[in-house]
Amino acid sequence: MVVMPDADTLVNRWFVTVRAMWGDRLADYEFQQLHLPRGTSRGDARRILTEHAEYGLWELDRLTIRRDGSRKVVLRRRIIRQLRTF
């Protein structure tokens, strides 16, 4: 079992307007970056990403395995904005 560092050191979030058209407006995405240390098993990594996808509505944007064996994961989710109806 791998002891994970504090969540604040693993997570980096940022907001970006992606130039992809959704109908007649631009799509806004929120990105979250995770760092999984070298000793993290494949099953633990899958569990962490599954929890983010199910409960946070995140989807996988990019996964990079570094030379030292650690994983850099970039997740994204669409920001849904409410339109005024009056």
Protein backbone atom coordinates (compact mmCIF):
# COMPACT_ATOMS: atom_id res chain seq x y z
CA MET A 1 0.00 0.00 0.00
CA VAL A 2 1.29 3.42 -0.94
CA VAL A 3 0.97 6.39 1.40
CA MET A 4 -0.24 9.34 -0.65
CA PRO A 5 0.98 12.87 0.12
CA ASP A 6 -1.44 15.59 1.15
CA ALA A 7 -4.10 16.25 -1.51
CA ASP A 8 -3.14 19.95 -1.72
CA THR A 9 0.31 19.01 -3.03
CA LEU A 10 -1.11 16.65 -5.65
CA VAL A 11 -3.86 18.78 -7.18
CA ASN A 12 -3.45 21.83 -9.36
CA ARG A 13 -6.59 23.36 -10.90
CA TRP A 14 -6.96 26.02 -13.55
CA PHE A 15 -9.69 27.40 -15.77
CA VAL A 16 -9.32 27.77 -19.51
CA THR A 17 -11.63 28.77 -22.31
CA VAL A 18 -11.11 26.16 -24.98
CA ARG A 19 -11.78 27.28 -28.51
CA ALA A 20 -14.14 24.46 -29.34
CA MET A 21 -17.58 25.32 -30.62
CA TRP A 22 -20.61 23.93 -28.81
CA GLY A 23 -23.51 25.17 -30.88
CA ASP A 24 -23.11 28.92 -31.09
CA ARG A 25 -20.92 29.53 -28.02
CA LEU A 26 -17.47 28.58 -26.79
CA ALA A 27 -17.03 25.71 -24.33
CA ASP A 28 -15.38 26.52 -21.02
CA TYR A 29 -13.41 23.77 -19.31
CA GLU A 30 -11.94 23.50 -15.85
CA PHE A 31 -8.71 21.48 -15.70
CA GLN A 32 -7.27 19.59 -12.77
CA GLN A 33 -3.75 18.18 -12.65
CA LEU A 34 -2.91 15.18 -10.47
CA HIS A 35 0.51 13.75 -9.68
CA LEU A 36 0.62 10.06 -8.81
CA PRO A 37 3.95 8.98 -7.28
CA ARG A 38 6.10 6.15 -8.62
CA GLY A 39 4.92 3.51 -6.15
CA THR A 40 1.22 3.92 -6.98
CA SER A 41 -0.14 0.65 -8.31
CA ARG A 42 -2.20 0.47 -11.47
CA GLY A 43 -5.27 -0.53 -9.45
CA ASP A 44 -4.89 2.42 -7.05
CA ALA A 45 -4.46 4.83 -9.98
CA ARG A 46 -7.59 3.41 -11.61
CA ARG A 47 -9.54 3.77 -8.36
CA ILE A 48 -8.46 7.41 -7.92
CA LEU A 49 -9.37 8.32 -11.51
CA THR A 50 -12.69 6.45 -11.29
CA GLU A 51 -13.67 8.38 -8.15
CA HIS A 52 -12.86 11.68 -9.83
CA ALA A 53 -14.91 10.68 -12.88
CA GLU A 54 -17.95 9.41 -10.97
CA TYR A 55 -18.24 11.98 -8.21
CA GLY A 56 -16.59 15.04 -9.73
CA LEU A 57 -17.73 14.54 -13.35
CA TRP A 58 -14.12 14.74 -14.59
CA GLU A 59 -12.92 13.13 -17.82
CA LEU A 60 -9.38 12.17 -18.77
CA ASP A 61 -7.64 14.76 -20.94
CA ARG A 62 -4.03 13.56 -20.83
CA LEU A 63 -1.96 10.93 -19.01
CA THR A 64 1.83 11.09 -19.01
CA ILE A 65 4.14 8.49 -17.50
CA ARG A 66 7.45 10.12 -16.63
CA ARG A 67 10.92 8.59 -16.70
CA ASP A 68 10.95 8.12 -12.93
CA GLY A 69 7.72 6.09 -13.11
CA SER A 70 5.40 8.74 -11.70
CA ARG A 71 2.21 9.68 -13.54
CA LYS A 72 1.02 13.15 -14.45
CA VAL A 73 -2.74 13.16 -15.06
CA VAL A 74 -4.73 16.06 -16.52
CA LEU A 75 -8.49 15.86 -16.05
CA ARG A 76 -11.09 18.22 -17.47
CA ARG A 77 -14.76 18.98 -17.05
CA ARG A 78 -17.06 21.34 -18.84
CA ILE A 79 -18.23 24.44 -16.99
CA ILE A 80 -21.97 24.77 -17.42
CA ARG A 81 -23.18 28.34 -17.21
CA GLN A 82 -26.79 29.28 -16.56
CA LEU A 83 -28.48 31.61 -19.03
CA ARG A 84 -30.96 34.21 -17.89
CA THR A 85 -34.51 33.40 -18.89
CA PHE A 86 -36.24 36.76 -18.42
